[in-house]
């Protein structure tokens, strides 16, 4: 479906280029519009599997692994799409999927890892993205269960970031739990009966009785 749409757009662009009955300005505007459409993702229902397939297909076609720059090309998932579906920045995901994208210069202080992360910030950003994505009910025990497939456990991240525990990792990544907003006004419903109310009701009835007696007295005296 995705390839079919892209091919259709490319055919339309090529057809417009070959037409001689259109003004150059009109032709350029139409081609520019079609080209913009081909660069967008809104007509593609991406999944993690289709993203990986598109990236690997690019390598098969071009003979080299795609980089972040290549994600702007027609038919490629965009950086935000990869981050949304794969739980990490596109640059990190590409390094994880294609080891050849990792730096050739080996830093002796950097241990090899299968995720392609190069710095502490890379690890912390991965943790922060996963934390915010699964924040509802997430904790140290649940993190490893709900994290996206292909992302490291929080213990692995903590080890690379030299964090002793979950709380320290949260602090270093700059994430926190959602604060529950307490309702400052609490309404309590209770039995309406009370000595004060009973007394008020008795006084009201007594006043009504006196008023009735006065009405009867004055009514009789007028006759």
N, C-alpha and C. Protein backbone atom coordinates (compact mmCIF):
# COMPACT_ATOMS: atom_id res chain seq x y z
N UNK A 1 0.84 -1.20 0.00
CA UNK A 1 0.00 0.00 0.00
C UNK A 1 0.87 1.25 0.00
N UNK A 2 1.85 1.31 0.93
CA UNK A 2 2.72 2.47 1.04
C UNK A 2 3.51 2.68 -0.24
N UNK A 3 4.13 1.57 -0.76
CA UNK A 3 4.93 1.69 -1.98
C UNK A 3 4.06 2.09 -3.16
N UNK A 4 2.83 1.58 -3.21
CA UNK A 4 1.92 1.91 -4.30
C UNK A 4 1.59 3.38 -4.34
N UNK A 5 1.35 3.97 -3.17
CA UNK A 5 1.03 5.40 -3.10
C UNK A 5 2.23 6.23 -3.53
N UNK A 6 3.39 5.86 -3.03
CA UNK A 6 4.60 6.61 -3.37
C UNK A 6 4.88 6.54 -4.87
N UNK A 7 4.75 5.35 -5.43
CA UNK A 7 4.98 5.18 -6.87
C UNK A 7 3.99 6.02 -7.67
N UNK A 8 2.73 6.08 -7.21
CA UNK A 8 1.71 6.86 -7.91
C UNK A 8 2.08 8.34 -7.90
N UNK A 9 2.55 8.84 -6.76
CA UNK A 9 2.95 10.24 -6.66
C UNK A 9 4.13 10.52 -7.59
N UNK A 10 5.10 9.60 -7.61
CA UNK A 10 6.27 9.79 -8.48
C UNK A 10 5.89 9.80 -9.95
N UNK A 11 4.95 8.92 -10.34
CA UNK A 11 4.47 8.88 -11.73
C UNK A 11 3.79 10.20 -12.08
N UNK A 12 2.97 10.72 -11.12
CA UNK A 12 2.28 11.98 -11.37
C UNK A 12 3.27 13.13 -11.55
N UNK A 13 4.32 13.14 -10.73
CA UNK A 13 5.34 14.18 -10.84
C UNK A 13 6.02 14.12 -12.20
N UNK A 14 6.38 12.91 -12.62
CA UNK A 14 7.06 12.74 -13.91
C UNK A 14 6.15 13.15 -15.07
N UNK A 15 4.86 12.84 -14.94
CA UNK A 15 3.91 13.21 -15.99
C UNK A 15 3.79 14.72 -16.12
N UNK A 16 3.76 15.41 -14.98
CA UNK A 16 3.66 16.87 -15.00
C UNK A 16 4.91 17.48 -15.65
N UNK A 17 6.07 16.91 -15.35
CA UNK A 17 7.33 17.42 -15.92
C UNK A 17 7.31 17.36 -17.46
N UNK A 18 6.67 16.34 -18.02
CA UNK A 18 6.70 16.13 -19.47
C UNK A 18 5.61 16.89 -20.21
N UNK A 19 4.69 17.53 -19.49
CA UNK A 19 3.61 18.26 -20.16
C UNK A 19 4.10 19.62 -20.63
N UNK A 20 3.68 19.96 -21.87
CA UNK A 20 4.06 21.24 -22.46
C UNK A 20 2.90 22.24 -22.48
N UNK A 21 1.72 21.78 -22.07
CA UNK A 21 0.54 22.66 -22.12
C UNK A 21 0.36 23.46 -20.84
N UNK A 22 1.28 23.34 -19.91
CA UNK A 22 1.18 24.09 -18.65
C UNK A 22 2.25 25.17 -18.58
N UNK A 23 1.88 26.28 -17.99
CA UNK A 23 2.85 27.33 -17.78
C UNK A 23 3.94 26.84 -16.82
N UNK A 24 5.19 27.25 -17.01
CA UNK A 24 6.27 26.81 -16.12
C UNK A 24 5.97 27.06 -14.64
N UNK A 25 5.35 28.21 -14.34
CA UNK A 25 5.05 28.53 -12.95
C UNK A 25 4.02 27.55 -12.37
N UNK A 26 3.01 27.21 -13.20
CA UNK A 26 1.98 26.25 -12.76
C UNK A 26 2.59 24.87 -12.58
N UNK A 27 3.42 24.48 -13.55
CA UNK A 27 4.06 23.17 -13.49
C UNK A 27 4.92 23.04 -12.23
N UNK A 28 5.70 24.07 -11.94
CA UNK A 28 6.56 24.05 -10.76
C UNK A 28 5.74 23.97 -9.47
N UNK A 29 4.63 24.69 -9.45
CA UNK A 29 3.79 24.69 -8.24
C UNK A 29 3.18 23.31 -7.99
N UNK A 30 2.70 22.67 -9.07
CA UNK A 30 2.09 21.35 -8.93
C UNK A 30 3.13 20.31 -8.50
N UNK A 31 4.30 20.36 -9.13
CA UNK A 31 5.37 19.42 -8.78
C UNK A 31 5.80 19.61 -7.33
N UNK A 32 5.88 20.88 -6.92
CA UNK A 32 6.28 21.17 -5.54
C UNK A 32 5.25 20.63 -4.55
N UNK A 33 3.97 20.76 -4.90
CA UNK A 33 2.91 20.25 -4.03
C UNK A 33 2.96 18.73 -3.93
N UNK A 34 3.11 18.06 -5.06
CA UNK A 34 3.19 16.60 -5.06
C UNK A 34 4.43 16.11 -4.31
N UNK A 35 5.52 16.83 -4.48
CA UNK A 35 6.75 16.46 -3.79
C UNK A 35 6.58 16.59 -2.28
N UNK A 36 5.89 17.65 -1.84
CA UNK A 36 5.62 17.83 -0.41
C UNK A 36 4.76 16.71 0.13
N UNK A 37 3.78 16.30 -0.67
CA UNK A 37 2.91 15.20 -0.25
C UNK A 37 3.72 13.93 -0.07
N UNK A 38 4.65 13.69 -0.99
CA UNK A 38 5.45 12.46 -0.93
C UNK A 38 6.36 12.43 0.29
N UNK A 39 6.64 13.62 0.86
CA UNK A 39 7.54 13.70 2.00
C UNK A 39 6.81 13.49 3.33
N UNK A 40 5.50 13.44 3.28
CA UNK A 40 4.74 13.36 4.52
C UNK A 40 4.37 11.93 4.87
N UNK A 41 3.99 11.78 6.12
CA UNK A 41 3.67 10.44 6.64
C UNK A 41 2.18 10.22 6.87
N UNK A 42 1.36 11.25 6.66
CA UNK A 42 -0.02 11.13 7.12
C UNK A 42 -0.83 10.07 6.37
N UNK A 43 -0.39 9.70 5.17
CA UNK A 43 -1.13 8.68 4.43
C UNK A 43 -0.57 7.28 4.67
N UNK A 44 0.43 7.17 5.52
CA UNK A 44 1.04 5.87 5.79
C UNK A 44 0.74 5.45 7.22
N UNK A 45 0.22 4.25 7.40
CA UNK A 45 -0.05 3.73 8.73
C UNK A 45 1.17 2.94 9.18
N UNK A 46 2.14 3.66 9.75
CA UNK A 46 3.39 3.03 10.14
C UNK A 46 3.24 2.17 11.38
N UNK A 47 4.03 1.11 11.41
CA UNK A 47 4.19 0.28 12.60
C UNK A 47 5.70 0.08 12.77
N UNK A 48 6.11 -0.47 13.87
CA UNK A 48 7.54 -0.69 14.07
C UNK A 48 8.08 -1.64 13.01
N UNK A 49 7.31 -2.68 12.69
CA UNK A 49 7.75 -3.66 11.68
C UNK A 49 7.88 -3.02 10.30
N UNK A 50 6.91 -2.17 9.92
CA UNK A 50 6.97 -1.55 8.59
C UNK A 50 8.10 -0.52 8.52
N UNK A 51 8.40 0.12 9.65
CA UNK A 51 9.52 1.05 9.69
C UNK A 51 10.84 0.31 9.44
N UNK A 52 11.02 -0.80 10.15
CA UNK A 52 12.24 -1.59 9.99
C UNK A 52 12.36 -2.11 8.55
N UNK A 53 11.24 -2.56 8.00
CA UNK A 53 11.25 -3.08 6.63
C UNK A 53 11.63 -1.98 5.63
N UNK A 54 11.09 -0.76 5.83
CA UNK A 54 11.40 0.35 4.93
C UNK A 54 12.88 0.72 5.02
N UNK A 55 13.44 0.71 6.22
CA UNK A 55 14.85 1.05 6.40
C UNK A 55 15.76 -0.01 5.77
N UNK A 56 15.41 -1.28 5.97
CA UNK A 56 16.21 -2.35 5.38
C UNK A 56 16.07 -2.38 3.86
N UNK A 57 14.88 -2.03 3.37
CA UNK A 57 14.66 -1.97 1.92
C UNK A 57 15.53 -0.87 1.31
N UNK A 58 15.67 0.23 2.04
CA UNK A 58 16.53 1.31 1.56
C UNK A 58 17.97 0.82 1.41
N UNK A 59 18.43 0.05 2.39
CA UNK A 59 19.80 -0.47 2.31
C UNK A 59 19.95 -1.43 1.14
N UNK A 60 18.92 -2.26 0.89
CA UNK A 60 18.98 -3.20 -0.24
C UNK A 60 19.04 -2.45 -1.57
N UNK A 61 18.30 -1.35 -1.66
CA UNK A 61 18.23 -0.59 -2.92
C UNK A 61 19.48 0.24 -3.18
N UNK A 62 20.02 0.82 -2.11
CA UNK A 62 21.14 1.75 -2.28
C UNK A 62 22.50 1.14 -1.96
N UNK A 63 22.49 0.03 -1.24
CA UNK A 63 23.76 -0.60 -0.87
C UNK A 63 24.41 0.02 0.35
N UNK A 64 23.70 0.89 1.04
CA UNK A 64 24.24 1.49 2.26
C UNK A 64 23.12 1.73 3.27
N UNK A 65 23.50 1.74 4.52
CA UNK A 65 22.51 1.93 5.58
C UNK A 65 22.02 3.38 5.59
N UNK A 66 20.73 3.60 5.83
CA UNK A 66 20.20 4.96 5.85
C UNK A 66 20.67 5.73 7.09
N UNK A 67 20.76 7.02 6.94
CA UNK A 67 21.08 7.91 8.05
C UNK A 67 19.87 8.82 8.30
N UNK A 68 19.96 9.65 9.32
CA UNK A 68 18.85 10.56 9.62
C UNK A 68 18.55 11.46 8.43
N UNK A 69 19.56 11.86 7.71
CA UNK A 69 19.37 12.71 6.54
C UNK A 69 18.50 12.03 5.48
N UNK A 70 18.68 10.72 5.32
CA UNK A 70 17.91 9.98 4.31
C UNK A 70 16.43 9.83 4.68
N UNK A 71 16.08 10.10 5.93
CA UNK A 71 14.69 9.94 6.36
C UNK A 71 13.76 10.98 5.75
N UNK A 72 14.32 12.01 5.14
CA UNK A 72 13.50 13.04 4.48
C UNK A 72 13.13 12.63 3.06
N UNK A 73 13.70 11.54 2.58
CA UNK A 73 13.45 11.11 1.21
C UNK A 73 12.08 10.44 1.08
N UNK A 74 11.60 10.38 -0.14
CA UNK A 74 10.30 9.79 -0.42
C UNK A 74 10.22 8.34 0.05
N UNK A 75 9.13 8.04 0.75
CA UNK A 75 8.89 6.66 1.17
C UNK A 75 9.57 6.25 2.46
N UNK A 76 10.31 7.17 3.06
CA UNK A 76 11.03 6.83 4.30
C UNK A 76 10.25 7.33 5.52
N UNK A 77 10.28 6.58 6.61
CA UNK A 77 9.63 7.06 7.83
C UNK A 77 10.39 8.26 8.38
N UNK A 78 9.68 9.23 8.88
CA UNK A 78 10.32 10.44 9.38
C UNK A 78 10.86 10.21 10.80
N UNK A 79 11.72 11.12 11.24
CA UNK A 79 12.37 10.98 12.55
C UNK A 79 11.34 10.88 13.67
N UNK A 80 10.32 11.73 13.63
CA UNK A 80 9.29 11.71 14.67
C UNK A 80 8.51 10.40 14.64
N UNK A 81 8.28 9.86 13.45
CA UNK A 81 7.58 8.59 13.32
C UNK A 81 8.37 7.47 13.99
N UNK A 82 9.67 7.45 13.77
CA UNK A 82 10.52 6.43 14.39
C UNK A 82 10.51 6.57 15.90
N UNK A 83 10.62 7.81 16.38
CA UNK A 83 10.64 8.03 17.83
C UNK A 83 9.32 7.61 18.45
N UNK A 84 8.21 7.86 17.76
CA UNK A 84 6.89 7.52 18.28
C UNK A 84 6.69 6.01 18.38
N UNK A 85 7.08 5.28 17.34
CA UNK A 85 6.82 3.85 17.28
C UNK A 85 7.93 2.99 17.88
N UNK A 86 9.13 3.52 17.97
CA UNK A 86 10.27 2.71 18.42
C UNK A 86 10.83 3.13 19.76
N UNK A 87 10.31 4.21 20.32
CA UNK A 87 10.67 4.60 21.67
C UNK A 87 12.05 5.17 21.85
N UNK A 88 12.67 5.65 20.79
CA UNK A 88 13.99 6.28 20.92
C UNK A 88 14.23 7.19 19.73
N UNK A 89 15.22 8.08 19.86
CA UNK A 89 15.53 8.99 18.76
C UNK A 89 15.89 8.20 17.50
N UNK A 90 15.57 8.79 16.36
CA UNK A 90 15.85 8.11 15.09
C UNK A 90 17.33 7.80 14.93
N UNK A 91 18.19 8.73 15.34
CA UNK A 91 19.64 8.51 15.19
C UNK A 91 20.10 7.30 15.99
N UNK A 92 19.55 7.14 17.19
CA UNK A 92 19.93 5.99 18.01
C UNK A 92 19.36 4.69 17.45
N UNK A 93 18.12 4.78 16.96
CA UNK A 93 17.49 3.58 16.40
C UNK A 93 18.24 3.10 15.17
N UNK A 94 18.69 4.03 14.34
CA UNK A 94 19.43 3.66 13.13
C UNK A 94 20.77 3.02 13.49
N UNK A 95 21.41 3.51 14.54
CA UNK A 95 22.67 2.91 14.97
C UNK A 95 22.45 1.52 15.56
N UNK A 96 21.30 1.34 16.20
CA UNK A 96 20.98 0.03 16.76
C UNK A 96 20.68 -0.98 15.65
N UNK A 97 19.95 -0.52 14.63
CA UNK A 97 19.56 -1.41 13.53
C UNK A 97 20.71 -1.66 12.56
N UNK A 98 21.55 -0.65 12.37
CA UNK A 98 22.67 -0.78 11.43
C UNK A 98 23.98 -0.45 12.15
N UNK A 99 24.69 -1.45 12.64
CA UNK A 99 25.95 -1.22 13.37
C UNK A 99 26.98 -0.42 12.58
N UNK A 100 26.88 -0.46 11.25
CA UNK A 100 27.85 0.28 10.44
C UNK A 100 27.69 1.80 10.59
N UNK A 101 26.55 2.23 11.15
CA UNK A 101 26.33 3.66 11.38
C UNK A 101 27.04 4.17 12.63
N UNK A 102 27.59 3.26 13.41
CA UNK A 102 28.27 3.67 14.63
C UNK A 102 29.66 4.20 14.28
N UNK A 103 30.20 5.05 15.13
CA UNK A 103 31.53 5.62 14.86
C UNK A 103 32.59 4.54 14.68
N UNK A 104 33.47 4.75 13.74
CA UNK A 104 34.54 3.77 13.52
C UNK A 104 35.65 3.93 14.54
N UNK A 105 35.78 5.15 15.07
CA UNK A 105 36.81 5.39 16.07
C UNK A 105 36.34 4.85 17.41
N UNK A 106 37.07 3.91 17.96
CA UNK A 106 36.68 3.28 19.22
C UNK A 106 37.25 4.05 20.41
N UNK A 107 36.37 4.45 21.27
CA UNK A 107 36.77 5.13 22.50
C UNK A 107 36.97 4.05 23.56
N UNK A 108 38.15 3.97 24.12
CA UNK A 108 38.46 2.91 25.08
C UNK A 108 37.60 3.02 26.33
N UNK A 109 37.08 4.22 26.59
CA UNK A 109 36.25 4.39 27.78
C UNK A 109 34.81 4.01 27.51
N UNK A 110 34.48 3.71 26.25
CA UNK A 110 33.10 3.39 25.89
C UNK A 110 32.98 1.89 25.61
N UNK A 111 32.20 1.21 26.44
CA UNK A 111 32.00 -0.21 26.23
C UNK A 111 30.99 -0.45 25.11
N UNK A 112 31.21 -1.49 24.36
CA UNK A 112 30.29 -1.81 23.26
C UNK A 112 28.93 -2.18 23.83
N UNK A 113 27.88 -1.74 23.17
CA UNK A 113 26.52 -2.14 23.57
C UNK A 113 25.70 -2.33 22.31
N UNK A 114 24.72 -3.20 22.35
CA UNK A 114 23.93 -3.52 21.15
C UNK A 114 22.92 -2.45 20.78
N UNK A 115 22.83 -1.37 21.56
CA UNK A 115 21.82 -0.35 21.32
C UNK A 115 22.35 0.84 20.52
N UNK A 116 23.66 0.91 20.35
CA UNK A 116 24.22 2.01 19.59
C UNK A 116 24.36 3.30 20.36
N UNK A 117 24.12 3.26 21.68
CA UNK A 117 24.24 4.46 22.48
C UNK A 117 25.71 4.79 22.71
N UNK A 118 26.04 6.05 22.56
CA UNK A 118 27.44 6.46 22.66
C UNK A 118 27.75 7.23 23.94
N UNK A 119 26.77 7.94 24.46
CA UNK A 119 27.01 8.78 25.63
C UNK A 119 25.98 8.49 26.71
N UNK A 120 26.27 9.03 27.90
CA UNK A 120 25.32 8.91 29.01
C UNK A 120 24.00 9.56 28.65
N UNK A 121 24.06 10.67 27.95
CA UNK A 121 22.84 11.37 27.54
C UNK A 121 21.97 10.50 26.65
N UNK A 122 22.60 9.67 25.81
CA UNK A 122 21.84 8.75 24.95
C UNK A 122 21.03 7.78 25.80
N UNK A 123 21.69 7.21 26.82
CA UNK A 123 21.00 6.26 27.70
C UNK A 123 19.88 6.94 28.47
N UNK A 124 20.16 8.12 28.99
CA UNK A 124 19.17 8.84 29.78
C UNK A 124 17.98 9.27 28.93
N UNK A 125 18.24 9.65 27.69
CA UNK A 125 17.15 10.06 26.81
C UNK A 125 16.25 8.87 26.49
N UNK A 126 16.85 7.71 26.29
CA UNK A 126 16.06 6.50 26.04
C UNK A 126 15.18 6.20 27.25
N UNK A 127 15.74 6.29 28.43
CA UNK A 127 14.97 6.03 29.65
C UNK A 127 13.83 7.05 29.81
N UNK A 128 14.15 8.32 29.58
CA UNK A 128 13.14 9.37 29.74
C UNK A 128 11.98 9.19 28.76
N UNK A 129 12.29 8.84 27.51
CA UNK A 129 11.24 8.63 26.50
C UNK A 129 10.34 7.47 26.89
N UNK A 130 10.95 6.37 27.36
CA UNK A 130 10.16 5.21 27.78
C UNK A 130 9.34 5.53 29.02
N UNK A 131 9.94 6.25 29.95
CA UNK A 131 9.25 6.61 31.19
C UNK A 131 8.01 7.44 30.89
N UNK A 132 8.15 8.48 30.05
CA UNK A 132 7.03 9.36 29.74
C UNK A 132 5.98 8.65 28.89
N UNK A 133 6.41 7.71 28.06
CA UNK A 133 5.47 6.99 27.21
C UNK A 133 4.59 6.06 28.03
N UNK A 134 5.17 5.46 29.08
CA UNK A 134 4.44 4.48 29.90
C UNK A 134 4.27 4.98 31.33
N UNK A 135 4.14 6.30 31.50
CA UNK A 135 4.18 6.88 32.84
C UNK A 135 3.05 6.41 33.75
N UNK A 136 1.87 6.13 33.19
CA UNK A 136 0.74 5.72 34.02
C UNK A 136 1.03 4.39 34.70
N UNK A 137 1.24 4.46 35.98
CA UNK A 137 1.45 3.23 36.77
C UNK A 137 2.84 2.65 36.67
N UNK A 138 3.78 3.34 36.02
CA UNK A 138 5.11 2.78 35.84
C UNK A 138 5.91 2.87 37.13
N UNK A 139 6.72 1.87 37.38
CA UNK A 139 7.62 1.85 38.52
C UNK A 139 8.78 0.94 38.16
N UNK A 140 9.73 0.77 39.07
CA UNK A 140 10.90 -0.04 38.77
C UNK A 140 10.51 -1.47 38.38
N UNK A 141 9.51 -2.01 39.06
CA UNK A 141 9.11 -3.39 38.80
C UNK A 141 8.40 -3.54 37.45
N UNK A 142 7.67 -2.49 37.03
CA UNK A 142 6.87 -2.58 35.81
C UNK A 142 7.62 -2.08 34.57
N UNK A 143 8.66 -1.28 34.77
CA UNK A 143 9.36 -0.67 33.63
C UNK A 143 9.82 -1.72 32.62
N UNK A 144 10.47 -2.76 33.10
CA UNK A 144 11.02 -3.77 32.19
C UNK A 144 9.94 -4.56 31.46
N UNK A 145 8.72 -4.52 32.01
CA UNK A 145 7.61 -5.25 31.39
C UNK A 145 6.98 -4.42 30.28
N UNK A 146 6.80 -3.11 30.54
CA UNK A 146 6.08 -2.27 29.58
C UNK A 146 6.99 -1.59 28.56
N UNK A 147 8.30 -1.57 28.79
CA UNK A 147 9.22 -0.89 27.86
C UNK A 147 9.07 -1.46 26.45
N UNK A 148 9.36 -0.65 25.45
CA UNK A 148 9.27 -1.09 24.06
C UNK A 148 10.33 -2.16 23.78
N UNK A 149 9.95 -3.08 22.93
CA UNK A 149 10.89 -4.14 22.56
C UNK A 149 12.12 -3.52 21.88
N UNK A 150 13.29 -4.00 22.26
CA UNK A 150 14.52 -3.49 21.67
C UNK A 150 15.17 -2.40 22.48
N UNK A 151 14.50 -1.95 23.56
CA UNK A 151 15.11 -0.95 24.44
C UNK A 151 15.66 -1.65 25.68
N UNK A 152 16.71 -1.09 26.30
CA UNK A 152 17.35 -1.76 27.44
C UNK A 152 16.51 -1.68 28.71
N UNK A 153 16.80 -2.58 29.64
CA UNK A 153 16.14 -2.55 30.95
C UNK A 153 16.65 -1.34 31.73
N UNK A 154 15.91 -0.95 32.74
CA UNK A 154 16.33 0.22 33.49
C UNK A 154 17.62 -0.06 34.27
N UNK A 155 17.83 -1.32 34.65
CA UNK A 155 19.07 -1.66 35.34
C UNK A 155 20.29 -1.47 34.43
N UNK A 156 20.12 -1.85 33.15
CA UNK A 156 21.21 -1.66 32.19
C UNK A 156 21.51 -0.18 32.01
N UNK A 157 20.45 0.62 31.89
CA UNK A 157 20.62 2.06 31.73
C UNK A 157 21.30 2.65 32.97
N UNK A 158 20.83 2.24 34.14
CA UNK A 158 21.39 2.75 35.39
C UNK A 158 22.88 2.42 35.50
N UNK A 159 23.25 1.22 35.07
CA UNK A 159 24.65 0.82 35.14
C UNK A 159 25.53 1.69 34.26
N UNK A 160 25.05 2.00 33.05
CA UNK A 160 25.83 2.83 32.14
C UNK A 160 25.85 4.30 32.57
N UNK A 161 24.87 4.67 33.39
CA UNK A 161 24.81 6.06 33.85
C UNK A 161 25.33 6.22 35.27
N UNK A 162 25.84 5.10 35.82
CA UNK A 162 26.39 5.09 37.17
C UNK A 162 25.37 5.55 38.21
N UNK A 163 24.17 5.03 38.08
CA UNK A 163 23.10 5.30 39.05
C UNK A 163 22.92 4.07 39.93
N UNK A 164 22.82 4.30 41.23
CA UNK A 164 22.75 3.18 42.18
C UNK A 164 21.38 2.56 42.27
N UNK A 165 20.33 3.31 41.95
CA UNK A 165 18.98 2.78 42.10
C UNK A 165 18.02 3.51 41.16
N UNK A 166 16.76 3.09 41.21
CA UNK A 166 15.70 3.64 40.35
C UNK A 166 15.50 5.13 40.59
N UNK A 167 15.44 5.55 41.85
CA UNK A 167 15.20 6.95 42.18
C UNK A 167 16.33 7.83 41.65
N UNK A 168 17.55 7.37 41.79
CA UNK A 168 18.68 8.14 41.30
C UNK A 168 18.65 8.26 39.78
N UNK A 169 18.21 7.18 39.11
CA UNK A 169 18.09 7.22 37.65
C UNK A 169 17.02 8.20 37.23
N UNK A 170 15.87 8.21 37.93
CA UNK A 170 14.80 9.16 37.63
C UNK A 170 15.31 10.59 37.79
N UNK A 171 16.02 10.86 38.86
CA UNK A 171 16.53 12.21 39.10
C UNK A 171 17.51 12.63 38.02
N UNK A 172 18.39 11.72 37.63
CA UNK A 172 19.41 12.05 36.63
C UNK A 172 18.78 12.26 35.26
N UNK A 173 17.68 11.53 34.97
CA UNK A 173 17.00 11.68 33.68
C UNK A 173 16.03 12.85 33.68
N UNK A 174 15.78 13.42 34.87
CA UNK A 174 14.89 14.58 34.95
C UNK A 174 13.43 14.25 34.77
N UNK A 175 13.00 13.05 35.20
CA UNK A 175 11.59 12.68 35.09
C UNK A 175 11.00 12.50 36.48
N UNK A 176 9.70 12.61 36.55
CA UNK A 176 9.02 12.43 37.83
C UNK A 176 7.61 11.94 37.60
N UNK A 177 6.99 11.41 38.63
CA UNK A 177 5.62 10.92 38.53
C UNK A 177 4.66 12.11 38.44
N UNK A 178 3.51 11.86 37.86
CA UNK A 178 2.49 12.89 37.81
C UNK A 178 1.99 13.16 39.23
N UNK A 179 1.89 14.45 39.56
CA UNK A 179 1.40 14.81 40.88
C UNK A 179 -0.12 14.76 40.90
N UNK A 180 -0.65 14.08 41.90
CA UNK A 180 -2.09 13.98 42.04
C UNK A 180 -2.63 15.28 42.64
N UNK A 181 -3.59 15.86 41.98
CA UNK A 181 -4.18 17.10 42.46
C UNK A 181 -5.31 16.79 43.42
N UNK A 182 -5.12 17.25 44.66
CA UNK A 182 -6.14 17.01 45.68
C UNK A 182 -7.20 18.10 45.61
N UNK A 183 -8.44 17.69 45.76
CA UNK A 183 -9.55 18.62 45.75
C UNK A 183 -9.58 19.36 47.08
N UNK A 184 -9.36 20.66 47.03
CA UNK A 184 -9.27 21.42 48.27
C UNK A 184 -10.62 21.52 48.98
N UNK A 185 -11.70 21.44 48.22
CA UNK A 185 -13.03 21.54 48.81
C UNK A 185 -13.65 20.16 48.86
N UNK A 186 -13.92 19.69 50.06
CA UNK A 186 -14.54 18.39 50.24
C UNK A 186 -15.93 18.58 50.82
N UNK A 187 -16.91 17.98 50.20
CA UNK A 187 -18.29 18.10 50.63
C UNK A 187 -18.69 16.83 51.34
N UNK A 188 -19.14 16.97 52.53
CA UNK A 188 -19.56 15.83 53.33
C UNK A 188 -21.08 15.83 53.43
N UNK A 189 -21.68 14.71 53.13
CA UNK A 189 -23.13 14.58 53.22
C UNK A 189 -23.47 13.79 54.47
N UNK A 190 -24.28 14.37 55.33
CA UNK A 190 -24.64 13.69 56.58
C UNK A 190 -26.12 13.87 56.86
N UNK A 191 -26.59 13.26 57.91
CA UNK A 191 -27.99 13.33 58.30
C UNK A 191 -28.33 14.78 58.63
N UNK A 192 -29.42 15.28 58.06
CA UNK A 192 -29.79 16.68 58.27
C UNK A 192 -30.29 16.96 59.67
N UNK A 193 -30.67 15.96 60.41
CA UNK A 193 -31.21 16.15 61.74
C UNK A 193 -30.16 16.59 62.74
N UNK A 194 -30.49 17.61 63.56
CA UNK A 194 -29.59 18.09 64.60
C UNK A 194 -30.42 18.85 65.63
N UNK A 195 -29.94 18.98 66.89
CA UNK A 195 -30.68 19.71 67.92
C UNK A 195 -31.00 21.15 67.51
N UNK A 196 -30.05 21.82 66.85
CA UNK A 196 -30.27 23.20 66.43
C UNK A 196 -31.38 23.30 65.41
N UNK A 197 -31.37 22.37 64.45
CA UNK A 197 -32.43 22.39 63.42
C UNK A 197 -33.78 22.08 64.03
N UNK A 198 -33.79 21.10 64.96
CA UNK A 198 -35.05 20.75 65.63
C UNK A 198 -35.61 21.95 66.38
N UNK A 199 -34.73 22.69 67.09
CA UNK A 199 -35.18 23.86 67.84
C UNK A 199 -35.74 24.92 66.90
N UNK A 200 -35.07 25.11 65.77
CA UNK A 200 -35.52 26.11 64.80
C UNK A 200 -36.90 25.74 64.24
N UNK A 201 -37.08 24.45 63.96
CA UNK A 201 -38.37 24.01 63.43
C UNK A 201 -39.48 24.22 64.45
N UNK A 202 -39.19 23.97 65.74
CA UNK A 202 -40.20 24.17 66.80
C UNK A 202 -40.57 25.64 66.92
N UNK A 203 -39.56 26.52 66.86
CA UNK A 203 -39.83 27.96 66.94
C UNK A 203 -40.66 28.44 65.75
N UNK A 204 -40.37 27.88 64.59
CA UNK A 204 -41.13 28.26 63.39
C UNK A 204 -42.59 27.84 63.51
N UNK A 205 -42.82 26.63 64.01
CA UNK A 205 -44.19 26.15 64.19
C UNK A 205 -44.93 26.97 65.24
N UNK A 206 -44.19 27.35 66.32
CA UNK A 206 -44.81 28.16 67.38
C UNK A 206 -45.20 29.53 66.85
N UNK A 207 -44.34 30.11 66.03
CA UNK A 207 -44.63 31.42 65.45
C UNK A 207 -45.85 31.34 64.54
N UNK A 208 -45.92 30.25 63.78
CA UNK A 208 -47.07 30.07 62.89
C UNK A 208 -48.36 29.95 63.70
N UNK A 209 -48.28 29.24 64.84
CA UNK A 209 -49.46 29.07 65.70
C UNK A 209 -49.93 30.40 66.29
N UNK A 210 -48.95 31.24 66.77
CA UNK A 210 -49.28 32.54 67.33
C UNK A 210 -49.88 33.47 66.28
N UNK A 211 -49.33 33.43 65.12
CA UNK A 211 -49.87 34.24 64.03
C UNK A 211 -51.31 33.85 63.71
N UNK A 212 -51.58 32.55 63.74
CA UNK A 212 -52.92 32.06 63.46
C UNK A 212 -53.91 32.53 64.54
N UNK A 213 -53.45 32.51 65.81
CA UNK A 213 -54.31 32.95 66.91
C UNK A 213 -54.60 34.44 66.81
N UNK A 214 -53.60 35.22 66.50
CA UNK A 214 -53.80 36.65 66.34
C UNK A 214 -54.76 36.94 65.20
N UNK A 215 -54.61 36.20 64.12
CA UNK A 215 -55.50 36.39 62.97
C UNK A 215 -56.95 36.10 63.36
N UNK A 216 -57.12 35.04 64.14
CA UNK A 216 -58.48 34.67 64.57
C UNK A 216 -59.06 35.71 65.52
N UNK A 217 -58.21 36.26 66.45
CA UNK A 217 -58.69 37.26 67.41
C UNK A 217 -59.13 38.52 66.69
N UNK A 218 -58.26 39.05 65.83
CA UNK A 218 -58.61 40.27 65.11
C UNK A 218 -59.77 40.05 64.15
N UNK A 219 -59.84 38.82 63.61
CA UNK A 219 -60.96 38.54 62.69
C UNK A 219 -62.26 38.55 63.46
N UNK A 220 -62.30 38.08 64.70
CA UNK A 220 -63.52 38.02 65.51
C UNK A 220 -63.95 39.43 65.97
N UNK A 221 -62.92 40.23 66.30
CA UNK A 221 -63.24 41.58 66.80
C UNK A 221 -63.82 42.48 65.73
N UNK A 222 -63.58 42.21 64.50
CA UNK A 222 -64.10 43.03 63.40
C UNK A 222 -65.55 42.73 63.12
N UNK A 223 -66.05 41.61 63.58
CA UNK A 223 -67.44 41.25 63.28
C UNK A 223 -68.42 42.04 64.14
